[in-house]
Amino acid sequence: MAVKKKANTDPGALLSVPGKGRSTTKYAKGELVFSQGDLSDSVFYVLSGKLKATVLSDRGKEAVAAILGPDEFFGEACMAGQVQRLITVSAMSDAVVVRVEKSAMAGLLQDHAAFSQMFMTYILNRTIRVEADLVDQLFNSSEKRLARLLLLLANYGNAGKPEPILTKISQETLAEMIGTTRSRVSFFMNRFRKLGLISYNGHIEVHKSLLNLVLHERPHIKD
């Protein structure tokens, strides 16, 4: 009896296979993947490293929209008809990224049912994350927003064991992401460390006890 092959649900393995409209690129720290206003014609998938997505306002103010890590997609809005990039993405550390042209991505979604289902699930989870971010900004204190951000950066809530935050992320970047000042972030980080919620050892290590601050503190109007 023939054994039925299990469908490959690993997007990294599938996207890394050489093919028309697909390429893998290594980016050095600080190198741009694309800039705000560039043509939106491809989807990207992070194989390794950390990247930063930023937005520049008409008045020249820059804000950090997201930190991207392994197994994450970005630039997928082109599949919904986006013509120009609304964000700038650059490497925060050495990174390896797969670029898939829009037409090639459409072909993969059509030909690989398991990959298509995985991609749809990813997009839905990202939508849920954006909604949670909005609630976080509207109703939670800056201390709680910082705690939640550190947990997300350490991959709490994702499959697998939580990881230390190895990429050096400045307090200015953390402040931009939660909508507060660098001095407030510094104050909260020191407080978290004194309480044993996080530790420093060349990188930030987030302890499970920090999760209690997010789960059990009642939401209140942000400061």
N, C-alpha and C. Protein backbone atom coordinates (compact mmCIF):
# COMPACT_ATOMS: atom_id res chain seq x y z
N MET A 1 0.85 -1.20 0.00
CA MET A 1 0.00 0.00 0.00
C MET A 1 0.88 1.25 0.00
N ALA A 2 0.61 2.16 -0.89
CA ALA A 2 1.41 3.39 -1.00
C ALA A 2 1.14 4.29 0.19
N VAL A 3 2.22 4.88 0.70
CA VAL A 3 2.08 5.80 1.83
C VAL A 3 1.87 7.21 1.29
N LYS A 4 0.82 7.83 1.76
CA LYS A 4 0.50 9.17 1.31
C LYS A 4 1.43 10.18 1.95
N LYS A 5 2.06 11.02 1.13
CA LYS A 5 2.98 12.03 1.63
C LYS A 5 2.23 13.12 2.38
N LYS A 6 2.81 13.50 3.51
CA LYS A 6 2.22 14.58 4.30
C LYS A 6 2.55 15.92 3.65
N ALA A 7 1.56 16.77 3.54
CA ALA A 7 1.76 18.08 2.92
C ALA A 7 2.76 18.89 3.72
N ASN A 8 3.65 19.59 3.01
CA ASN A 8 4.66 20.41 3.66
C ASN A 8 4.03 21.71 4.12
N THR A 9 3.97 21.90 5.44
CA THR A 9 3.36 23.11 5.98
C THR A 9 4.40 24.10 6.48
N ASP A 10 5.68 23.82 6.21
CA ASP A 10 6.75 24.73 6.62
C ASP A 10 6.95 25.77 5.53
N PRO A 11 6.51 27.02 5.76
CA PRO A 11 6.63 28.04 4.72
C PRO A 11 8.08 28.33 4.35
N GLY A 12 8.99 28.26 5.34
CA GLY A 12 10.39 28.52 5.06
C GLY A 12 10.96 27.52 4.07
N ALA A 13 10.62 26.24 4.26
CA ALA A 13 11.10 25.19 3.36
C ALA A 13 10.54 25.37 1.95
N LEU A 14 9.27 25.71 1.86
CA LEU A 14 8.64 25.89 0.56
C LEU A 14 9.15 27.13 -0.17
N LEU A 15 9.22 28.25 0.55
CA LEU A 15 9.61 29.50 -0.09
C LEU A 15 11.09 29.56 -0.42
N SER A 16 11.91 28.80 0.28
CA SER A 16 13.35 28.82 0.04
C SER A 16 13.76 28.02 -1.19
N VAL A 17 12.86 27.19 -1.69
CA VAL A 17 13.16 26.42 -2.89
C VAL A 17 13.27 27.38 -4.08
N PRO A 18 14.38 27.34 -4.82
CA PRO A 18 14.53 28.24 -5.97
C PRO A 18 13.39 28.08 -6.96
N GLY A 19 12.91 29.17 -7.46
CA GLY A 19 11.83 29.13 -8.42
C GLY A 19 11.60 30.50 -9.02
N LYS A 20 10.83 30.56 -10.06
CA LYS A 20 10.56 31.82 -10.72
C LYS A 20 9.82 32.77 -9.77
N GLY A 21 10.33 33.98 -9.68
CA GLY A 21 9.68 34.99 -8.83
C GLY A 21 10.04 34.88 -7.37
N ARG A 22 11.03 34.04 -7.01
CA ARG A 22 11.44 33.87 -5.63
C ARG A 22 12.94 34.09 -5.49
N SER A 23 13.34 34.77 -4.45
CA SER A 23 14.77 34.99 -4.21
C SER A 23 15.02 35.14 -2.72
N THR A 24 16.19 34.73 -2.27
CA THR A 24 16.58 34.84 -0.87
C THR A 24 17.75 35.81 -0.75
N THR A 25 17.64 36.77 0.16
CA THR A 25 18.65 37.82 0.30
C THR A 25 19.11 37.93 1.74
N LYS A 26 20.41 38.16 1.92
CA LYS A 26 20.97 38.43 3.24
C LYS A 26 21.09 39.94 3.41
N TYR A 27 20.62 40.44 4.54
CA TYR A 27 20.68 41.87 4.85
C TYR A 27 21.57 42.09 6.06
N ALA A 28 22.44 43.08 5.96
CA ALA A 28 23.28 43.45 7.09
C ALA A 28 22.49 44.41 7.99
N LYS A 29 22.91 44.51 9.24
CA LYS A 29 22.25 45.41 10.18
C LYS A 29 22.19 46.83 9.62
N GLY A 30 20.99 47.41 9.63
CA GLY A 30 20.79 48.77 9.13
C GLY A 30 20.44 48.86 7.66
N GLU A 31 20.52 47.75 6.94
CA GLU A 31 20.24 47.76 5.51
C GLU A 31 18.73 47.77 5.25
N LEU A 32 18.32 48.53 4.23
CA LEU A 32 16.91 48.64 3.89
C LEU A 32 16.44 47.45 3.05
N VAL A 33 15.23 46.98 3.35
CA VAL A 33 14.57 45.99 2.50
C VAL A 33 13.72 46.72 1.47
N PHE A 34 12.92 47.67 1.94
CA PHE A 34 12.21 48.60 1.05
C PHE A 34 11.84 49.84 1.85
N SER A 35 11.49 50.89 1.12
CA SER A 35 11.17 52.18 1.75
C SER A 35 9.72 52.54 1.53
N GLN A 36 9.20 53.35 2.42
CA GLN A 36 7.85 53.89 2.30
C GLN A 36 7.71 54.62 0.97
N GLY A 37 6.68 54.28 0.21
CA GLY A 37 6.48 54.89 -1.10
C GLY A 37 6.96 54.04 -2.26
N ASP A 38 7.76 52.98 -1.97
CA ASP A 38 8.22 52.08 -3.03
C ASP A 38 7.04 51.31 -3.61
N LEU A 39 7.24 50.76 -4.81
CA LEU A 39 6.22 49.95 -5.45
C LEU A 39 5.97 48.70 -4.61
N SER A 40 4.71 48.41 -4.37
CA SER A 40 4.31 47.24 -3.58
C SER A 40 4.00 46.09 -4.53
N ASP A 41 5.00 45.23 -4.76
CA ASP A 41 4.85 44.20 -5.78
C ASP A 41 5.29 42.81 -5.32
N SER A 42 5.53 42.63 -4.02
CA SER A 42 6.03 41.34 -3.55
C SER A 42 5.75 41.16 -2.06
N VAL A 43 5.80 39.89 -1.65
CA VAL A 43 5.61 39.51 -0.25
C VAL A 43 6.96 39.01 0.27
N PHE A 44 7.25 39.27 1.54
CA PHE A 44 8.52 38.87 2.14
C PHE A 44 8.27 37.93 3.32
N TYR A 45 9.24 37.03 3.53
CA TYR A 45 9.16 36.08 4.64
C TYR A 45 10.52 36.05 5.33
N VAL A 46 10.51 36.19 6.66
CA VAL A 46 11.75 36.26 7.43
C VAL A 46 12.22 34.85 7.80
N LEU A 47 13.41 34.49 7.34
CA LEU A 47 14.00 33.20 7.71
C LEU A 47 14.80 33.32 9.01
N SER A 48 15.52 34.43 9.18
CA SER A 48 16.29 34.63 10.40
C SER A 48 16.55 36.11 10.61
N GLY A 49 16.86 36.49 11.84
CA GLY A 49 17.16 37.87 12.15
C GLY A 49 15.95 38.67 12.58
N LYS A 50 16.18 39.94 12.86
CA LYS A 50 15.12 40.86 13.27
C LYS A 50 15.10 42.07 12.34
N LEU A 51 13.90 42.54 12.03
CA LEU A 51 13.73 43.71 11.19
C LEU A 51 12.78 44.68 11.85
N LYS A 52 12.85 45.94 11.45
CA LYS A 52 12.03 46.99 12.03
C LYS A 52 11.19 47.64 10.94
N ALA A 53 9.89 47.77 11.21
CA ALA A 53 8.99 48.46 10.29
C ALA A 53 8.68 49.84 10.87
N THR A 54 8.95 50.89 10.10
CA THR A 54 8.72 52.25 10.56
C THR A 54 7.83 53.02 9.59
N VAL A 55 7.19 54.06 10.11
CA VAL A 55 6.32 54.92 9.30
C VAL A 55 6.78 56.35 9.50
N LEU A 56 6.84 57.11 8.40
CA LEU A 56 7.23 58.51 8.45
C LEU A 56 6.03 59.38 8.13
N SER A 57 5.70 60.32 9.03
CA SER A 57 4.55 61.20 8.81
C SER A 57 4.89 62.30 7.84
N ASP A 58 3.86 63.03 7.39
CA ASP A 58 4.08 64.16 6.48
C ASP A 58 4.94 65.24 7.12
N ARG A 59 4.95 65.30 8.44
CA ARG A 59 5.74 66.30 9.16
C ARG A 59 7.15 65.82 9.48
N GLY A 60 7.47 64.61 9.01
CA GLY A 60 8.82 64.10 9.20
C GLY A 60 9.05 63.33 10.49
N LYS A 61 7.99 63.03 11.23
CA LYS A 61 8.14 62.27 12.46
C LYS A 61 8.08 60.78 12.16
N GLU A 62 9.06 60.04 12.69
CA GLU A 62 9.12 58.60 12.44
C GLU A 62 8.62 57.83 13.65
N ALA A 63 7.86 56.78 13.39
CA ALA A 63 7.35 55.92 14.46
C ALA A 63 7.61 54.46 14.09
N VAL A 64 7.90 53.66 15.10
CA VAL A 64 8.11 52.23 14.89
C VAL A 64 6.76 51.53 14.91
N ALA A 65 6.43 50.85 13.81
CA ALA A 65 5.14 50.19 13.70
C ALA A 65 5.20 48.74 14.17
N ALA A 66 6.35 48.08 13.96
CA ALA A 66 6.44 46.67 14.34
C ALA A 66 7.89 46.21 14.33
N ILE A 67 8.14 45.16 15.08
CA ILE A 67 9.41 44.44 15.03
C ILE A 67 9.11 43.07 14.43
N LEU A 68 9.83 42.70 13.39
CA LEU A 68 9.57 41.46 12.67
C LEU A 68 10.67 40.45 12.94
N GLY A 69 10.29 39.18 13.10
CA GLY A 69 11.27 38.14 13.37
C GLY A 69 11.04 36.91 12.51
N PRO A 70 11.79 35.84 12.77
CA PRO A 70 11.66 34.61 11.98
C PRO A 70 10.24 34.09 11.89
N ASP A 71 9.91 33.56 10.72
CA ASP A 71 8.60 32.95 10.43
C ASP A 71 7.49 33.99 10.30
N GLU A 72 7.84 35.24 10.10
CA GLU A 72 6.83 36.27 9.90
C GLU A 72 6.86 36.78 8.45
N PHE A 73 5.67 37.09 7.95
CA PHE A 73 5.52 37.71 6.63
C PHE A 73 5.43 39.22 6.78
N PHE A 74 5.80 39.94 5.74
CA PHE A 74 5.51 41.37 5.66
C PHE A 74 5.41 41.75 4.19
N GLY A 75 4.77 42.88 3.95
CA GLY A 75 4.55 43.31 2.57
C GLY A 75 3.38 42.61 1.89
N GLU A 76 2.60 41.84 2.67
CA GLU A 76 1.53 41.04 2.08
C GLU A 76 0.35 41.87 1.59
N ALA A 77 0.32 43.17 1.93
CA ALA A 77 -0.79 44.02 1.50
C ALA A 77 -0.87 44.14 -0.02
N CYS A 78 0.24 43.84 -0.72
CA CYS A 78 0.21 43.88 -2.19
C CYS A 78 -0.79 42.88 -2.74
N MET A 79 -1.03 41.79 -1.99
CA MET A 79 -1.98 40.77 -2.45
C MET A 79 -3.42 41.28 -2.42
N ALA A 80 -3.65 42.37 -1.68
CA ALA A 80 -4.99 42.97 -1.59
C ALA A 80 -5.10 44.23 -2.43
N GLY A 81 -4.09 44.48 -3.27
CA GLY A 81 -4.18 45.61 -4.18
C GLY A 81 -3.40 46.85 -3.78
N GLN A 82 -2.65 46.78 -2.69
CA GLN A 82 -1.84 47.94 -2.30
C GLN A 82 -0.81 48.23 -3.40
N VAL A 83 -0.71 49.49 -3.80
CA VAL A 83 0.17 49.88 -4.90
C VAL A 83 1.53 50.36 -4.39
N GLN A 84 1.53 51.13 -3.30
CA GLN A 84 2.77 51.66 -2.74
C GLN A 84 2.94 51.19 -1.29
N ARG A 85 4.21 51.02 -0.89
CA ARG A 85 4.49 50.62 0.48
C ARG A 85 4.13 51.75 1.44
N LEU A 86 3.47 51.40 2.53
CA LEU A 86 3.10 52.39 3.54
C LEU A 86 4.10 52.44 4.68
N ILE A 87 5.07 51.52 4.66
CA ILE A 87 6.07 51.45 5.72
C ILE A 87 7.46 51.30 5.12
N THR A 88 8.46 51.53 5.95
CA THR A 88 9.86 51.24 5.61
C THR A 88 10.30 50.08 6.47
N VAL A 89 10.98 49.10 5.87
CA VAL A 89 11.48 47.95 6.63
C VAL A 89 12.99 47.88 6.48
N SER A 90 13.68 47.81 7.63
CA SER A 90 15.13 47.71 7.63
C SER A 90 15.57 46.65 8.64
N ALA A 91 16.78 46.13 8.46
CA ALA A 91 17.29 45.08 9.33
C ALA A 91 17.82 45.66 10.64
N MET A 92 17.40 45.09 11.76
CA MET A 92 17.92 45.47 13.07
C MET A 92 19.14 44.64 13.44
N SER A 93 19.30 43.51 12.75
CA SER A 93 20.45 42.62 12.92
C SER A 93 20.68 41.98 11.56
N ASP A 94 21.73 41.20 11.42
CA ASP A 94 21.89 40.44 10.18
C ASP A 94 20.65 39.57 10.00
N ALA A 95 20.10 39.58 8.80
CA ALA A 95 18.84 38.87 8.57
C ALA A 95 18.84 38.21 7.20
N VAL A 96 18.06 37.15 7.09
CA VAL A 96 17.87 36.46 5.81
C VAL A 96 16.38 36.48 5.50
N VAL A 97 16.03 37.01 4.33
CA VAL A 97 14.64 37.23 3.96
C VAL A 97 14.36 36.69 2.57
N VAL A 98 13.22 36.03 2.43
CA VAL A 98 12.78 35.53 1.13
C VAL A 98 11.82 36.55 0.51
N ARG A 99 12.04 36.90 -0.74
CA ARG A 99 11.14 37.78 -1.48
C ARG A 99 10.39 36.97 -2.51
N VAL A 100 9.06 37.11 -2.51
CA VAL A 100 8.21 36.38 -3.45
C VAL A 100 7.37 37.39 -4.23
N GLU A 101 7.55 37.43 -5.53
CA GLU A 101 6.78 38.36 -6.35
C GLU A 101 5.29 38.05 -6.23
N LYS A 102 4.48 39.07 -6.42
CA LYS A 102 3.02 38.95 -6.24
C LYS A 102 2.45 37.80 -7.06
N SER A 103 2.83 37.70 -8.32
CA SER A 103 2.30 36.64 -9.18
C SER A 103 2.74 35.26 -8.71
N ALA A 104 3.99 35.16 -8.25
CA ALA A 104 4.49 33.87 -7.76
C ALA A 104 3.77 33.48 -6.47
N MET A 105 3.50 34.46 -5.62
CA MET A 105 2.78 34.19 -4.38
C MET A 105 1.36 33.71 -4.68
N ALA A 106 0.72 34.33 -5.65
CA ALA A 106 -0.63 33.91 -6.04
C ALA A 106 -0.62 32.46 -6.51
N GLY A 107 0.43 32.09 -7.26
CA GLY A 107 0.55 30.72 -7.73
C GLY A 107 0.74 29.73 -6.60
N LEU A 108 1.57 30.09 -5.62
CA LEU A 108 1.79 29.22 -4.47
C LEU A 108 0.51 29.02 -3.66
N LEU A 109 -0.24 30.10 -3.47
CA LEU A 109 -1.49 30.01 -2.71
C LEU A 109 -2.51 29.14 -3.44
N GLN A 110 -2.47 29.17 -4.76
CA GLN A 110 -3.42 28.39 -5.55
C GLN A 110 -3.02 26.92 -5.62
N ASP A 111 -1.72 26.64 -5.68
CA ASP A 111 -1.24 25.27 -5.91
C ASP A 111 -0.97 24.49 -4.62
N HIS A 112 -0.82 25.17 -3.50
CA HIS A 112 -0.47 24.48 -2.26
C HIS A 112 -1.52 24.80 -1.19
N ALA A 113 -2.46 23.88 -1.03
CA ALA A 113 -3.58 24.10 -0.12
C ALA A 113 -3.12 24.31 1.33
N ALA A 114 -2.16 23.51 1.77
CA ALA A 114 -1.68 23.62 3.16
C ALA A 114 -1.01 24.97 3.39
N PHE A 115 -0.23 25.41 2.42
CA PHE A 115 0.43 26.72 2.53
C PHE A 115 -0.60 27.84 2.52
N SER A 116 -1.61 27.72 1.67
CA SER A 116 -2.66 28.72 1.58
C SER A 116 -3.41 28.85 2.91
N GLN A 117 -3.72 27.70 3.53
CA GLN A 117 -4.42 27.72 4.82
C GLN A 117 -3.55 28.34 5.90
N MET A 118 -2.25 28.01 5.88
CA MET A 118 -1.32 28.56 6.86
C MET A 118 -1.21 30.08 6.70
N PHE A 119 -1.14 30.54 5.47
CA PHE A 119 -1.01 31.98 5.20
C PHE A 119 -2.27 32.72 5.65
N MET A 120 -3.43 32.14 5.38
CA MET A 120 -4.69 32.76 5.80
C MET A 120 -4.77 32.85 7.33
N THR A 121 -4.34 31.79 7.99
CA THR A 121 -4.33 31.77 9.46
C THR A 121 -3.39 32.85 9.99
N TYR A 122 -2.25 33.00 9.34
CA TYR A 122 -1.29 34.02 9.76
C TYR A 122 -1.89 35.42 9.63
N ILE A 123 -2.55 35.69 8.52
CA ILE A 123 -3.15 37.01 8.30
C ILE A 123 -4.24 37.28 9.33
N LEU A 124 -5.06 36.27 9.63
CA LEU A 124 -6.12 36.44 10.62
C LEU A 124 -5.53 36.70 12.01
N ASN A 125 -4.46 35.97 12.35
CA ASN A 125 -3.82 36.19 13.64
C ASN A 125 -3.21 37.58 13.73
N ARG A 126 -2.67 38.06 12.62
CA ARG A 126 -2.12 39.42 12.62
C ARG A 126 -3.23 40.45 12.81
N THR A 127 -4.39 40.22 12.21
CA THR A 127 -5.53 41.12 12.39
C THR A 127 -5.95 41.17 13.85
N ILE A 128 -5.97 39.99 14.49
CA ILE A 128 -6.30 39.91 15.91
C ILE A 128 -5.27 40.69 16.72
N ARG A 129 -4.01 40.55 16.34
CA ARG A 129 -2.92 41.26 17.04
C ARG A 129 -3.08 42.77 16.91
N VAL A 130 -3.43 43.24 15.71
CA VAL A 130 -3.63 44.69 15.49
C VAL A 130 -4.78 45.20 16.35
N GLU A 131 -5.87 44.43 16.42
CA GLU A 131 -7.00 44.83 17.25
C GLU A 131 -6.60 44.90 18.73
N ALA A 132 -5.80 43.93 19.16
CA ALA A 132 -5.33 43.93 20.55
C ALA A 132 -4.41 45.12 20.81
N ASP A 133 -3.58 45.46 19.82
CA ASP A 133 -2.70 46.63 19.95
C ASP A 133 -3.51 47.91 20.12
N LEU A 134 -4.61 48.01 19.37
CA LEU A 134 -5.46 49.20 19.45
C LEU A 134 -6.09 49.32 20.83
N VAL A 135 -6.62 48.20 21.35
CA VAL A 135 -7.20 48.20 22.70
C VAL A 135 -6.13 48.56 23.72
N ASP A 136 -4.93 48.02 23.53
CA ASP A 136 -3.82 48.30 24.43
C ASP A 136 -3.50 49.78 24.49
N GLN A 137 -3.47 50.43 23.32
CA GLN A 137 -3.16 51.86 23.25
C GLN A 137 -4.28 52.71 23.86
N LEU A 138 -5.52 52.27 23.69
CA LEU A 138 -6.66 53.06 24.14
C LEU A 138 -6.89 52.99 25.65
N PHE A 139 -6.68 51.82 26.23
CA PHE A 139 -7.14 51.61 27.60
C PHE A 139 -6.07 51.27 28.63
N ASN A 140 -4.89 50.86 28.21
CA ASN A 140 -3.90 50.40 29.18
C ASN A 140 -2.84 51.45 29.48
N SER A 141 -2.26 51.36 30.67
CA SER A 141 -1.20 52.27 31.06
C SER A 141 0.05 51.99 30.24
N SER A 142 0.96 52.97 30.19
CA SER A 142 2.19 52.78 29.44
C SER A 142 3.04 51.66 30.05
N GLU A 143 2.94 51.46 31.37
CA GLU A 143 3.67 50.37 32.02
C GLU A 143 3.17 49.02 31.53
N LYS A 144 1.87 48.88 31.45
CA LYS A 144 1.31 47.62 30.99
C LYS A 144 1.57 47.41 29.50
N ARG A 145 1.54 48.49 28.72
CA ARG A 145 1.84 48.38 27.29
C ARG A 145 3.28 47.91 27.08
N LEU A 146 4.21 48.42 27.90
CA LEU A 146 5.60 48.00 27.79
C LEU A 146 5.74 46.52 28.16
N ALA A 147 5.06 46.10 29.22
CA ALA A 147 5.12 44.70 29.63
C ALA A 147 4.61 43.79 28.52
N ARG A 148 3.50 44.17 27.90
CA ARG A 148 2.94 43.36 26.81
C ARG A 148 3.89 43.31 25.62
N LEU A 149 4.51 44.44 25.30
CA LEU A 149 5.44 44.49 24.17
C LEU A 149 6.64 43.58 24.42
N LEU A 150 7.20 43.61 25.63
CA LEU A 150 8.34 42.75 25.94
C LEU A 150 7.96 41.28 25.84
N LEU A 151 6.76 40.94 26.28
CA LEU A 151 6.29 39.56 26.16
C LEU A 151 6.16 39.13 24.71
N LEU A 152 5.64 40.02 23.88
CA LEU A 152 5.50 39.72 22.46
C LEU A 152 6.86 39.56 21.79
N LEU A 153 7.81 40.43 22.12
CA LEU A 153 9.14 40.35 21.54
C LEU A 153 9.86 39.07 21.96
N ALA A 154 9.51 38.55 23.14
CA ALA A 154 10.12 37.32 23.62
C ALA A 154 9.34 36.08 23.18
N ASN A 155 8.31 36.30 22.34
CA ASN A 155 7.52 35.21 21.75
C ASN A 155 6.63 34.49 22.75
N TYR A 156 6.27 35.15 23.86
CA TYR A 156 5.27 34.55 24.76
C TYR A 156 3.94 34.48 24.03
N GLY A 157 3.27 33.34 24.17
CA GLY A 157 1.98 33.15 23.51
C GLY A 157 2.10 32.45 22.18
N ASN A 158 3.33 32.32 21.64
CA ASN A 158 3.55 31.60 20.39
C ASN A 158 3.96 30.17 20.70
N ALA A 159 3.92 29.33 19.67
CA ALA A 159 4.35 27.96 19.84
C ALA A 159 5.84 27.94 20.14
N GLY A 160 6.25 27.00 21.00
CA GLY A 160 7.67 26.90 21.32
C GLY A 160 8.01 27.65 22.60
N LYS A 161 9.25 27.49 23.03
CA LYS A 161 9.70 28.10 24.28
C LYS A 161 10.01 29.58 24.09
N PRO A 162 9.59 30.43 25.03
CA PRO A 162 9.94 31.86 24.94
C PRO A 162 11.45 32.04 24.86
N GLU A 163 11.88 33.08 24.12
CA GLU A 163 13.29 33.30 23.88
C GLU A 163 13.73 34.64 24.46
N PRO A 164 15.01 34.76 24.83
CA PRO A 164 15.52 36.07 25.25
C PRO A 164 15.47 37.04 24.07
N ILE A 165 15.34 38.32 24.36
CA ILE A 165 15.35 39.34 23.31
C ILE A 165 16.81 39.65 23.00
N LEU A 166 17.35 38.98 21.98
CA LEU A 166 18.78 39.05 21.68
C LEU A 166 19.15 40.33 20.94
N THR A 167 18.26 40.78 20.03
CA THR A 167 18.56 41.97 19.26
C THR A 167 18.51 43.20 20.17
N LYS A 168 19.51 44.04 20.07
CA LYS A 168 19.55 45.24 20.90
C LYS A 168 18.48 46.21 20.43
N ILE A 169 17.50 46.44 21.29
CA ILE A 169 16.42 47.37 20.99
C ILE A 169 16.53 48.54 21.96
N SER A 170 16.69 49.72 21.43
CA SER A 170 16.89 50.90 22.27
C SER A 170 15.61 51.26 23.01
N GLN A 171 15.79 51.98 24.11
CA GLN A 171 14.63 52.45 24.85
C GLN A 171 13.82 53.45 24.04
N GLU A 172 14.49 54.18 23.15
CA GLU A 172 13.77 55.09 22.25
C GLU A 172 12.81 54.32 21.35
N THR A 173 13.27 53.17 20.83
CA THR A 173 12.43 52.33 19.97
C THR A 173 11.24 51.78 20.74
N LEU A 174 11.49 51.29 21.95
CA LEU A 174 10.40 50.77 22.78
C LEU A 174 9.39 51.88 23.08
N ALA A 175 9.90 53.09 23.35
CA ALA A 175 9.01 54.22 23.65
C ALA A 175 8.13 54.56 22.46
N GLU A 176 8.72 54.54 21.26
CA GLU A 176 7.95 54.84 20.04
C GLU A 176 6.86 53.81 19.82
N MET A 177 7.15 52.56 20.15
CA MET A 177 6.19 51.50 19.90
C MET A 177 5.01 51.52 20.85
N ILE A 178 5.18 52.05 22.05
CA ILE A 178 4.07 52.07 23.00
C ILE A 178 3.51 53.46 23.22
N GLY A 179 4.08 54.46 22.54
CA GLY A 179 3.54 55.81 22.61
C GLY A 179 3.81 56.53 23.91
N THR A 180 5.06 56.48 24.38
CA THR A 180 5.43 57.20 25.59
C THR A 180 6.84 57.76 25.42
N THR A 181 7.46 58.23 26.50
CA THR A 181 8.79 58.82 26.42
C THR A 181 9.87 57.82 26.82
N ARG A 182 11.10 58.10 26.40
CA ARG A 182 12.21 57.22 26.75
C ARG A 182 12.42 57.17 28.27
N SER A 183 12.23 58.30 28.94
CA SER A 183 12.44 58.34 30.39
C SER A 183 11.44 57.44 31.11
N ARG A 184 10.20 57.39 30.62
CA ARG A 184 9.20 56.51 31.24
C ARG A 184 9.57 55.04 31.01
N VAL A 185 10.05 54.73 29.81
CA VAL A 185 10.47 53.35 29.53
C VAL A 185 11.63 52.97 30.45
N SER A 186 12.59 53.87 30.62
CA SER A 186 13.73 53.61 31.50
C SER A 186 13.26 53.35 32.93
N PHE A 187 12.31 54.15 33.39
CA PHE A 187 11.78 53.99 34.75
C PHE A 187 11.12 52.62 34.91
N PHE A 188 10.28 52.23 33.93
CA PHE A 188 9.57 50.95 34.02
C PHE A 188 10.53 49.77 33.88
N MET A 189 11.51 49.87 33.00
CA MET A 189 12.47 48.78 32.82
C MET A 189 13.24 48.54 34.12
N ASN A 190 13.66 49.61 34.78
CA ASN A 190 14.35 49.47 36.06
C ASN A 190 13.44 48.86 37.12
N ARG A 191 12.18 49.27 37.09
CA ARG A 191 11.21 48.72 38.05
C ARG A 191 11.00 47.23 37.79
N PHE A 192 10.84 46.85 36.53
CA PHE A 192 10.65 45.43 36.18
C PHE A 192 11.85 44.60 36.66
N ARG A 193 13.05 45.16 36.48
CA ARG A 193 14.26 44.42 36.87
C ARG A 193 14.34 44.26 38.39
N LYS A 194 14.02 45.32 39.13
CA LYS A 194 14.06 45.25 40.59
C LYS A 194 13.04 44.25 41.13
N LEU A 195 11.91 44.14 40.43
CA LEU A 195 10.86 43.21 40.87
C LEU A 195 11.13 41.77 40.39
N GLY A 196 12.19 41.59 39.62
CA GLY A 196 12.52 40.25 39.13
C GLY A 196 11.69 39.81 37.95
N LEU A 197 11.03 40.75 37.27
CA LEU A 197 10.18 40.42 36.12
C LEU A 197 11.00 40.26 34.84
N ILE A 198 12.14 40.94 34.77
CA ILE A 198 13.06 40.81 33.65
C ILE A 198 14.48 40.81 34.21
N SER A 199 15.44 40.40 33.38
CA SER A 199 16.85 40.48 33.78
C SER A 199 17.69 40.83 32.57
N TYR A 200 18.86 41.39 32.83
CA TYR A 200 19.79 41.76 31.78
C TYR A 200 21.04 40.90 31.91
N ASN A 201 21.48 40.34 30.79
CA ASN A 201 22.74 39.59 30.77
C ASN A 201 23.29 39.64 29.34
N GLY A 202 23.49 40.87 28.86
CA GLY A 202 23.88 41.04 27.47
C GLY A 202 22.67 41.09 26.56
N HIS A 203 21.53 40.70 27.08
CA HIS A 203 20.25 40.78 26.37
C HIS A 203 19.15 40.84 27.42
N ILE A 204 17.94 41.13 26.98
CA ILE A 204 16.80 41.18 27.90
C ILE A 204 16.18 39.80 27.99
N GLU A 205 16.07 39.28 29.21
CA GLU A 205 15.38 38.02 29.42
C GLU A 205 14.08 38.30 30.17
N VAL A 206 12.98 37.93 29.55
CA VAL A 206 11.66 38.19 30.12
C VAL A 206 11.21 36.98 30.91
N HIS A 207 10.87 37.18 32.18
CA HIS A 207 10.43 36.09 33.03
C HIS A 207 8.90 35.95 32.95
N LYS A 208 8.45 34.74 33.22
CA LYS A 208 7.02 34.45 33.13
C LYS A 208 6.20 35.32 34.08
N SER A 209 6.82 35.76 35.18
CA SER A 209 6.10 36.58 36.16
C SER A 209 5.62 37.90 35.57
N LEU A 210 6.28 38.35 34.50
CA LEU A 210 5.83 39.60 33.86
C LEU A 210 4.45 39.42 33.25
N LEU A 211 4.13 38.19 32.88
CA LEU A 211 2.82 37.91 32.30
C LEU A 211 1.70 38.22 33.26
N ASN A 212 1.95 38.07 34.56
CA ASN A 212 0.93 38.36 35.56
C ASN A 212 0.52 39.83 35.54
N LEU A 213 1.48 40.71 35.25
CA LEU A 213 1.17 42.15 35.19
C LEU A 213 0.17 42.45 34.09
N VAL A 214 0.29 41.72 32.96
CA VAL A 214 -0.60 41.94 31.82
C VAL A 214 -1.95 41.26 32.03
N LEU A 215 -1.93 40.05 32.59
CA LEU A 215 -3.16 39.28 32.72
C LEU A 215 -4.04 39.70 33.88
N HIS A 216 -3.43 40.12 34.98
CA HIS A 216 -4.21 40.34 36.20
C HIS A 216 -4.41 41.79 36.58
N GLU A 217 -3.67 42.70 35.94
CA GLU A 217 -3.90 44.11 36.25
C GLU A 217 -5.14 44.57 35.49
N ARG A 218 -6.03 45.24 36.16
CA ARG A 218 -7.25 45.71 35.51
C ARG A 218 -6.92 46.84 34.53
N PRO A 219 -7.50 46.80 33.31
CA PRO A 219 -7.24 47.88 32.37
C PRO A 219 -7.72 49.22 32.94
N HIS A 220 -6.95 50.27 32.69
CA HIS A 220 -7.38 51.58 33.11
C HIS A 220 -6.91 52.61 32.09
N ILE A 221 -7.42 53.82 32.23
CA ILE A 221 -7.08 54.84 31.25
C ILE A 221 -5.57 55.07 31.24
N LYS A 222 -5.00 55.13 30.05
CA LYS A 222 -3.56 55.26 29.91
C LYS A 222 -3.08 56.58 30.51
N ASP A 223 -1.79 56.52 30.95
CA ASP A 223 -1.21 57.74 31.51
C ASP A 223 -0.44 58.49 30.42
